[in-house]
């Protein structure tokens, strides 16, 4: 892929790895451009330990449609599949 078609990214190695896994250009660029790109996470609590309201707010933040009608279990599934 010519470099001209690659969105501007901070972590090109991670971007390419994500593209190889099938991520869209936009999603791979978003992930590769995060401040802590390439670092392991593990600091957030598990979705099951969060309240439905916390899950709803996270779903709202990332733009999951239909979130207001979802159960806690459905919110968790939607967040994991986004």
PDB file of N, CA and C in Angstrom:
ATOM      1  N   UNK A   1       0.854  -1.182   0.000  1.00  0.00           N
ATOM      2  CA  UNK A   1       0.000   0.000   0.000  1.00  0.00           C
ATOM      3  C   UNK A   1       0.889   1.231   0.000  1.00  0.00           C
ATOM      4  N   UNK A   2       0.682   2.148  -0.920  1.00  0.00           N
ATOM      5  CA  UNK A   2       1.499   3.354  -0.946  1.00  0.00           C
ATOM      6  C   UNK A   2       1.300   4.169   0.321  1.00  0.00           C
ATOM      7  N   UNK A   3       2.389   4.735   0.794  1.00  0.00           N
ATOM      8  CA  UNK A   3       2.329   5.501   2.036  1.00  0.00           C
ATOM      9  C   UNK A   3       1.430   6.730   1.923  1.00  0.00           C
ATOM     10  N   UNK A   4       1.201   7.225   0.710  1.00  0.00           N
ATOM     11  CA  UNK A   4       0.348   8.403   0.516  1.00  0.00           C
ATOM     12  C   UNK A   4      -1.086   8.153   0.961  1.00  0.00           C
ATOM     13  N   UNK A   5      -1.536   6.897   0.929  1.00  0.00           N
ATOM     14  CA  UNK A   5      -2.920   6.576   1.285  1.00  0.00           C
ATOM     15  C   UNK A   5      -3.116   6.306   2.777  1.00  0.00           C
ATOM     16  N   UNK A   6      -2.051   6.317   3.546  1.00  0.00           N
ATOM     17  CA  UNK A   6      -2.138   6.040   4.980  1.00  0.00           C
ATOM     18  C   UNK A   6      -2.452   7.343   5.712  1.00  0.00           C
ATOM     19  N   UNK A   7      -3.494   7.314   6.570  1.00  0.00           N
ATOM     20  CA  UNK A   7      -3.775   8.516   7.370  1.00  0.00           C
ATOM     21  C   UNK A   7      -2.580   8.829   8.271  1.00  0.00           C
ATOM     22  N   UNK A   8      -2.447  10.070   8.681  1.00  0.00           N
ATOM     23  CA  UNK A   8      -1.364  10.469   9.568  1.00  0.00           C
ATOM     24  C   UNK A   8      -1.510   9.741  10.902  1.00  0.00           C
ATOM     25  N   UNK A   9      -0.490   8.975  11.276  1.00  0.00           N
ATOM     26  CA  UNK A   9      -0.548   8.215  12.522  1.00  0.00           C
ATOM     27  C   UNK A   9       0.729   8.411  13.326  1.00  0.00           C
ATOM     28  N   UNK A  10       0.598   8.310  14.648  1.00  0.00           N
ATOM     29  CA  UNK A  10       1.749   8.435  15.537  1.00  0.00           C
ATOM     30  C   UNK A  10       2.551   7.147  15.606  1.00  0.00           C
ATOM     31  N   UNK A  11       1.861   6.012  15.558  1.00  0.00           N
ATOM     32  CA  UNK A  11       2.517   4.717  15.698  1.00  0.00           C
ATOM     33  C   UNK A  11       2.250   3.894  14.441  1.00  0.00           C
ATOM     34  N   UNK A  12       3.108   4.077  13.434  1.00  0.00           N
ATOM     35  CA  UNK A  12       2.885   3.425  12.138  1.00  0.00           C
ATOM     36  C   UNK A  12       2.964   1.904  12.234  1.00  0.00           C
ATOM     37  N   UNK A  13       3.844   1.398  13.085  1.00  0.00           N
ATOM     38  CA  UNK A  13       3.973  -0.053  13.243  1.00  0.00           C
ATOM     39  C   UNK A  13       2.671  -0.664  13.769  1.00  0.00           C
ATOM     40  N   UNK A  14       2.085  -0.035  14.768  1.00  0.00           N
ATOM     41  CA  UNK A  14       0.830  -0.520  15.314  1.00  0.00           C
ATOM     42  C   UNK A  14      -0.289  -0.372  14.281  1.00  0.00           C
ATOM     43  N   UNK A  15      -0.288   0.745  13.557  1.00  0.00           N
ATOM     44  CA  UNK A  15      -1.291   0.972  12.521  1.00  0.00           C
ATOM     45  C   UNK A  15      -1.259  -0.164  11.499  1.00  0.00           C
ATOM     46  N   UNK A  16      -0.082  -0.499  11.008  1.00  0.00           N
ATOM     47  CA  UNK A  16       0.057  -1.561  10.007  1.00  0.00           C
ATOM     48  C   UNK A  16      -0.385  -2.911  10.572  1.00  0.00           C
ATOM     49  N   UNK A  17      -0.047  -3.190  11.823  1.00  0.00           N
ATOM     50  CA  UNK A  17      -0.453  -4.453  12.450  1.00  0.00           C
ATOM     51  C   UNK A  17      -1.975  -4.537  12.551  1.00  0.00           C
ATOM     52  N   UNK A  18      -2.611  -3.439  12.895  1.00  0.00           N
ATOM     53  CA  UNK A  18      -4.071  -3.415  12.986  1.00  0.00           C
ATOM     54  C   UNK A  18      -4.714  -3.581  11.613  1.00  0.00           C
ATOM     55  N   UNK A  19      -4.142  -2.943  10.607  1.00  0.00           N
ATOM     56  CA  UNK A  19      -4.664  -3.091   9.238  1.00  0.00           C
ATOM     57  C   UNK A  19      -4.535  -4.542   8.785  1.00  0.00           C
ATOM     58  N   UNK A  20      -3.410  -5.189   9.139  1.00  0.00           N
ATOM     59  CA  UNK A  20      -3.213  -6.604   8.789  1.00  0.00           C
ATOM     60  C   UNK A  20      -4.252  -7.496   9.452  1.00  0.00           C
ATOM     61  N   UNK A  21      -4.736  -7.074  10.620  1.00  0.00           N
ATOM     62  CA  UNK A  21      -5.770  -7.839  11.330  1.00  0.00           C
ATOM     63  C   UNK A  21      -7.162  -7.563  10.779  1.00  0.00           C
ATOM     64  N   UNK A  22      -7.276  -6.621   9.829  1.00  0.00           N
ATOM     65  CA  UNK A  22      -8.560  -6.357   9.208  1.00  0.00           C
ATOM     66  C   UNK A  22      -9.270  -5.105   9.688  1.00  0.00           C
ATOM     67  N   UNK A  23      -8.636  -4.313  10.539  1.00  0.00           N
ATOM     68  CA  UNK A  23      -9.258  -3.071  11.002  1.00  0.00           C
ATOM     69  C   UNK A  23      -9.350  -2.081   9.845  1.00  0.00           C
ATOM     70  N   UNK A  24     -10.375  -1.232   9.861  1.00  0.00           N
ATOM     71  CA  UNK A  24     -10.496  -0.202   8.834  1.00  0.00           C
ATOM     72  C   UNK A  24      -9.375   0.818   9.029  1.00  0.00           C
ATOM     73  N   UNK A  25      -9.115   1.591   7.987  1.00  0.00           N
ATOM     74  CA  UNK A  25      -8.079   2.628   8.078  1.00  0.00           C
ATOM     75  C   UNK A  25      -8.381   3.592   9.219  1.00  0.00           C
ATOM     76  N   UNK A  26      -9.649   3.982   9.327  1.00  0.00           N
ATOM     77  CA  UNK A  26     -10.038   4.965  10.330  1.00  0.00           C
ATOM     78  C   UNK A  26      -9.858   4.428  11.747  1.00  0.00           C
ATOM     79  N   UNK A  27     -10.327   3.194  11.974  1.00  0.00           N
ATOM     80  CA  UNK A  27     -10.233   2.627  13.322  1.00  0.00           C
ATOM     81  C   UNK A  27      -8.770   2.364  13.687  1.00  0.00           C
ATOM     82  N   UNK A  28      -7.986   1.844  12.747  1.00  0.00           N
ATOM     83  CA  UNK A  28      -6.568   1.593  13.008  1.00  0.00           C
ATOM     84  C   UNK A  28      -5.842   2.894  13.328  1.00  0.00           C
ATOM     85  N   UNK A  29      -6.163   3.963  12.596  1.00  0.00           N
ATOM     86  CA  UNK A  29      -5.532   5.258  12.847  1.00  0.00           C
ATOM     87  C   UNK A  29      -5.920   5.808  14.209  1.00  0.00           C
ATOM     88  N   UNK A  30      -7.225   5.671  14.575  1.00  0.00           N
ATOM     89  CA  UNK A  30      -7.672   6.150  15.890  1.00  0.00           C
ATOM     90  C   UNK A  30      -6.900   5.461  17.006  1.00  0.00           C
ATOM     91  N   UNK A  31      -6.769   4.137  16.888  1.00  0.00           N
ATOM     92  CA  UNK A  31      -6.077   3.375  17.924  1.00  0.00           C
ATOM     93  C   UNK A  31      -4.597   3.749  17.965  1.00  0.00           C
ATOM     94  N   UNK A  32      -3.973   3.811  16.795  1.00  0.00           N
ATOM     95  CA  UNK A  32      -2.538   4.109  16.717  1.00  0.00           C
ATOM     96  C   UNK A  32      -2.226   5.547  17.125  1.00  0.00           C
ATOM     97  N   UNK A  33      -3.209   6.410  17.137  1.00  0.00           N
ATOM     98  CA  UNK A  33      -2.983   7.808  17.512  1.00  0.00           C
ATOM     99  C   UNK A  33      -3.280   8.107  18.967  1.00  0.00           C
ATOM    100  N   UNK A  34      -3.696   7.115  19.737  1.00  0.00           N
ATOM    101  CA  UNK A  34      -3.940   7.380  21.151  1.00  0.00           C
ATOM    102  C   UNK A  34      -2.623   7.701  21.844  1.00  0.00           C
ATOM    103  N   UNK A  35      -2.713   8.448  22.907  1.00  0.00           N
ATOM    104  CA  UNK A  35      -1.516   8.912  23.606  1.00  0.00           C
ATOM    105  C   UNK A  35      -0.641   7.757  24.092  1.00  0.00           C
ATOM    106  N   UNK A  36      -1.262   6.694  24.558  1.00  0.00           N
ATOM    107  CA  UNK A  36      -0.508   5.562  25.090  1.00  0.00           C
ATOM    108  C   UNK A  36      -0.470   4.405  24.084  1.00  0.00           C
ATOM    109  N   UNK A  37      -0.455   4.737  22.824  1.00  0.00           N
ATOM    110  CA  UNK A  37      -0.475   3.753  21.750  1.00  0.00           C
ATOM    111  C   UNK A  37       0.648   2.731  21.924  1.00  0.00           C
ATOM    112  N   UNK A  38       0.283   1.470  21.864  1.00  0.00           N
ATOM    113  CA  UNK A  38       1.268   0.396  21.966  1.00  0.00           C
ATOM    114  C   UNK A  38       1.532  -0.082  23.370  1.00  0.00           C
ATOM    115  N   UNK A  39       1.033   0.642  24.369  1.00  0.00           N
ATOM    116  CA  UNK A  39       1.225   0.210  25.751  1.00  0.00           C
ATOM    117  C   UNK A  39       0.111  -0.737  26.153  1.00  0.00           C
ATOM    118  N   UNK A  40       0.430  -1.631  27.058  1.00  0.00           N
ATOM    119  CA  UNK A  40      -0.600  -2.540  27.553  1.00  0.00           C
ATOM    120  C   UNK A  40      -1.523  -1.785  28.487  1.00  0.00           C
ATOM    121  N   UNK A  41      -2.780  -2.153  28.433  1.00  0.00           N
ATOM    122  CA  UNK A  41      -3.775  -1.508  29.289  1.00  0.00           C
ATOM    123  C   UNK A  41      -3.888  -2.219  30.615  1.00  0.00           C
ATOM    124  N   UNK A  42      -5.136  -2.542  30.993  1.00  0.00           N
ATOM    125  CA  UNK A  42      -5.340  -3.275  32.225  1.00  0.00           C
ATOM    126  C   UNK A  42      -5.696  -2.401  33.414  1.00  0.00           C
ATOM    127  N   UNK A  43      -5.885  -1.124  33.180  1.00  0.00           N
ATOM    128  CA  UNK A  43      -6.174  -0.223  34.296  1.00  0.00           C
ATOM    129  C   UNK A  43      -7.669  -0.009  34.518  1.00  0.00           C
ATOM    130  N   UNK A  44      -8.465  -0.311  33.532  1.00  0.00           N
ATOM    131  CA  UNK A  44      -9.909  -0.107  33.654  1.00  0.00           C
ATOM    132  C   UNK A  44     -10.557  -1.322  34.320  1.00  0.00           C
ATOM    133  N   UNK A  45     -11.648  -1.058  35.012  1.00  0.00           N
ATOM    134  CA  UNK A  45     -12.366  -2.164  35.637  1.00  0.00           C
ATOM    135  C   UNK A  45     -13.101  -2.967  34.568  1.00  0.00           C
ATOM    136  N   UNK A  46     -13.383  -4.220  34.874  1.00  0.00           N
ATOM    137  CA  UNK A  46     -14.101  -5.077  33.939  1.00  0.00           C
ATOM    138  C   UNK A  46     -15.505  -4.532  33.752  1.00  0.00           C
ATOM    139  N   UNK A  47     -16.034  -4.721  32.542  1.00  0.00           N
ATOM    140  CA  UNK A  47     -17.386  -4.235  32.259  1.00  0.00           C
ATOM    141  C   UNK A  47     -18.401  -4.799  33.255  1.00  0.00           C
ATOM    142  N   UNK A  48     -18.249  -6.052  33.636  1.00  0.00           N
ATOM    143  CA  UNK A  48     -19.197  -6.667  34.561  1.00  0.00           C
ATOM    144  C   UNK A  48     -19.195  -5.995  35.928  1.00  0.00           C
ATOM    145  N   UNK A  49     -18.110  -5.339  36.288  1.00  0.00           N
ATOM    146  CA  UNK A  49     -17.998  -4.666  37.582  1.00  0.00           C
ATOM    147  C   UNK A  49     -18.551  -3.243  37.547  1.00  0.00           C
ATOM    148  N   UNK A  50     -18.865  -2.751  36.366  1.00  0.00           N
ATOM    149  CA  UNK A  50     -19.389  -1.391  36.227  1.00  0.00           C
ATOM    150  C   UNK A  50     -20.912  -1.388  36.331  1.00  0.00           C
ATOM    151  N   UNK A  51     -21.452  -0.232  36.665  1.00  0.00           N
ATOM    152  CA  UNK A  51     -22.908  -0.100  36.722  1.00  0.00           C
ATOM    153  C   UNK A  51     -23.451   0.056  35.306  1.00  0.00           C
ATOM    154  N   UNK A  52     -24.744  -0.161  35.171  1.00  0.00           N
ATOM    155  CA  UNK A  52     -25.388   0.008  33.864  1.00  0.00           C
ATOM    156  C   UNK A  52     -25.215   1.455  33.393  1.00  0.00           C
ATOM    157  N   UNK A  53     -25.325   2.406  34.305  1.00  0.00           N
ATOM    158  CA  UNK A  53     -25.162   3.822  33.954  1.00  0.00           C
ATOM    159  C   UNK A  53     -23.752   4.101  33.429  1.00  0.00           C
ATOM    160  N   UNK A  54     -22.734   3.526  34.058  1.00  0.00           N
ATOM    161  CA  UNK A  54     -21.356   3.708  33.582  1.00  0.00           C
ATOM    162  C   UNK A  54     -21.194   3.124  32.180  1.00  0.00           C
ATOM    163  N   UNK A  55     -21.773   1.953  31.959  1.00  0.00           N
ATOM    164  CA  UNK A  55     -21.707   1.318  30.643  1.00  0.00           C
ATOM    165  C   UNK A  55     -22.447   2.165  29.610  1.00  0.00           C
ATOM    166  N   UNK A  56     -23.602   2.700  29.997  1.00  0.00           N
ATOM    167  CA  UNK A  56     -24.383   3.557  29.112  1.00  0.00           C
ATOM    168  C   UNK A  56     -23.558   4.784  28.699  1.00  0.00           C
ATOM    169  N   UNK A  57     -22.904   5.415  29.661  1.00  0.00           N
ATOM    170  CA  UNK A  57     -22.095   6.604  29.372  1.00  0.00           C
ATOM    171  C   UNK A  57     -20.939   6.275  28.428  1.00  0.00           C
ATOM    172  N   UNK A  58     -20.313   5.129  28.637  1.00  0.00           N
ATOM    173  CA  UNK A  58     -19.223   4.702  27.743  1.00  0.00           C
ATOM    174  C   UNK A  58     -19.769   4.463  26.339  1.00  0.00           C
ATOM    175  N   UNK A  59     -20.933   3.810  26.243  1.00  0.00           N
ATOM    176  CA  UNK A  59     -21.563   3.555  24.942  1.00  0.00           C
ATOM    177  C   UNK A  59     -21.915   4.876  24.257  1.00  0.00           C
ATOM    178  N   UNK A  60     -22.379   5.841  25.035  1.00  0.00           N
ATOM    179  CA  UNK A  60     -22.722   7.164  24.505  1.00  0.00           C
ATOM    180  C   UNK A  60     -21.462   7.852  23.978  1.00  0.00           C
ATOM    181  N   UNK A  61     -20.386   7.751  24.735  1.00  0.00           N
ATOM    182  CA  UNK A  61     -19.105   8.366  24.388  1.00  0.00           C
ATOM    183  C   UNK A  61     -18.591   7.873  23.039  1.00  0.00           C
ATOM    184  N   UNK A  62     -18.766   6.574  22.770  1.00  0.00           N
ATOM    185  CA  UNK A  62     -18.241   6.037  21.513  1.00  0.00           C
ATOM    186  C   UNK A  62     -19.300   5.909  20.427  1.00  0.00           C
ATOM    187  N   UNK A  63     -20.524   6.341  20.733  1.00  0.00           N
ATOM    188  CA  UNK A  63     -21.550   6.444  19.703  1.00  0.00           C
ATOM    189  C   UNK A  63     -22.299   5.168  19.356  1.00  0.00           C
ATOM    190  N   UNK A  64     -22.525   4.305  20.325  1.00  0.00           N
ATOM    191  CA  UNK A  64     -23.301   3.091  20.071  1.00  0.00           C
ATOM    192  C   UNK A  64     -24.774   3.450  20.001  1.00  0.00           C
ATOM    193  N   UNK A  65     -25.390   3.125  18.873  1.00  0.00           N
ATOM    194  CA  UNK A  65     -26.805   3.443  18.688  1.00  0.00           C
ATOM    195  C   UNK A  65     -27.688   2.415  19.387  1.00  0.00           C
ATOM    196  N   UNK A  66     -28.849   2.869  19.864  1.00  0.00           N
ATOM    197  CA  UNK A  66     -29.808   1.992  20.528  1.00  0.00           C
ATOM    198  C   UNK A  66     -29.462   1.691  21.973  1.00  0.00           C
ATOM    199  N   UNK A  67     -28.486   2.375  22.505  1.00  0.00           N
ATOM    200  CA  UNK A  67     -27.994   2.098  23.868  1.00  0.00           C
ATOM    201  C   UNK A  67     -29.050   2.312  24.949  1.00  0.00           C
ATOM    202  N   UNK A  68     -29.979   3.237  24.733  1.00  0.00           N
ATOM    203  CA  UNK A  68     -30.974   3.539  25.766  1.00  0.00           C
ATOM    204  C   UNK A  68     -31.935   2.380  25.991  1.00  0.00           C
ATOM    205  N   UNK A  69     -32.067   1.511  25.012  1.00  0.00           N
ATOM    206  CA  UNK A  69     -32.965   0.362  25.147  1.00  0.00           C
ATOM    207  C   UNK A  69     -32.234  -0.919  25.551  1.00  0.00           C
ATOM    208  N   UNK A  70     -30.938  -0.854  25.731  1.00  0.00           N
ATOM    209  CA  UNK A  70     -30.147  -2.054  26.014  1.00  0.00           C
ATOM    210  C   UNK A  70     -30.102  -2.384  27.498  1.00  0.00           C
ATOM    211  N   UNK A  71     -30.023  -3.683  27.764  1.00  0.00           N
ATOM    212  CA  UNK A  71     -29.797  -4.156  29.130  1.00  0.00           C
ATOM    213  C   UNK A  71     -28.301  -4.044  29.416  1.00  0.00           C
ATOM    214  N   UNK A  72     -27.924  -4.248  30.645  1.00  0.00           N
ATOM    215  CA  UNK A  72     -26.510  -4.213  31.008  1.00  0.00           C
ATOM    216  C   UNK A  72     -25.733  -5.237  30.181  1.00  0.00           C
ATOM    217  N   UNK A  73     -26.269  -6.426  30.058  1.00  0.00           N
ATOM    218  CA  UNK A  73     -25.614  -7.490  29.297  1.00  0.00           C
ATOM    219  C   UNK A  73     -25.439  -7.092  27.820  1.00  0.00           C
ATOM    220  N   UNK A  74     -26.462  -6.463  27.260  1.00  0.00           N
ATOM    221  CA  UNK A  74     -26.401  -6.017  25.865  1.00  0.00           C
ATOM    222  C   UNK A  74     -25.394  -4.883  25.682  1.00  0.00           C
ATOM    223  N   UNK A  75     -25.322  -3.982  26.666  1.00  0.00           N
ATOM    224  CA  UNK A  75     -24.339  -2.901  26.609  1.00  0.00           C
ATOM    225  C   UNK A  75     -22.922  -3.468  26.617  1.00  0.00           C
ATOM    226  N   UNK A  76     -22.681  -4.446  27.472  1.00  0.00           N
ATOM    227  CA  UNK A  76     -21.363  -5.074  27.547  1.00  0.00           C
ATOM    228  C   UNK A  76     -21.002  -5.691  26.195  1.00  0.00           C
ATOM    229  N   UNK A  77     -21.944  -6.423  25.613  1.00  0.00           N
ATOM    230  CA  UNK A  77     -21.696  -7.059  24.316  1.00  0.00           C
ATOM    231  C   UNK A  77     -21.403  -6.016  23.235  1.00  0.00           C
ATOM    232  N   UNK A  78     -22.193  -4.940  23.219  1.00  0.00           N
ATOM    233  CA  UNK A  78     -22.005  -3.878  22.227  1.00  0.00           C
ATOM    234  C   UNK A  78     -20.653  -3.196  22.397  1.00  0.00           C
ATOM    235  N   UNK A  79     -20.241  -2.939  23.634  1.00  0.00           N
ATOM    236  CA  UNK A  79     -18.961  -2.311  23.894  1.00  0.00           C
ATOM    237  C   UNK A  79     -17.798  -3.202  23.474  1.00  0.00           C
ATOM    238  N   UNK A  80     -17.930  -4.475  23.723  1.00  0.00           N
ATOM    239  CA  UNK A  80     -16.860  -5.412  23.358  1.00  0.00           C
ATOM    240  C   UNK A  80     -16.736  -5.588  21.854  1.00  0.00           C
ATOM    241  N   UNK A  81     -17.844  -5.436  21.142  1.00  0.00           N
ATOM    242  CA  UNK A  81     -17.838  -5.643  19.697  1.00  0.00           C
ATOM    243  C   UNK A  81     -17.596  -4.367  18.905  1.00  0.00           C
ATOM    244  N   UNK A  82     -17.374  -3.282  19.591  1.00  0.00           N
ATOM    245  CA  UNK A  82     -17.159  -2.020  18.893  1.00  0.00           C
ATOM    246  C   UNK A  82     -15.719  -1.828  18.551  1.00  0.00           C
TER     247      UNK A  82
END
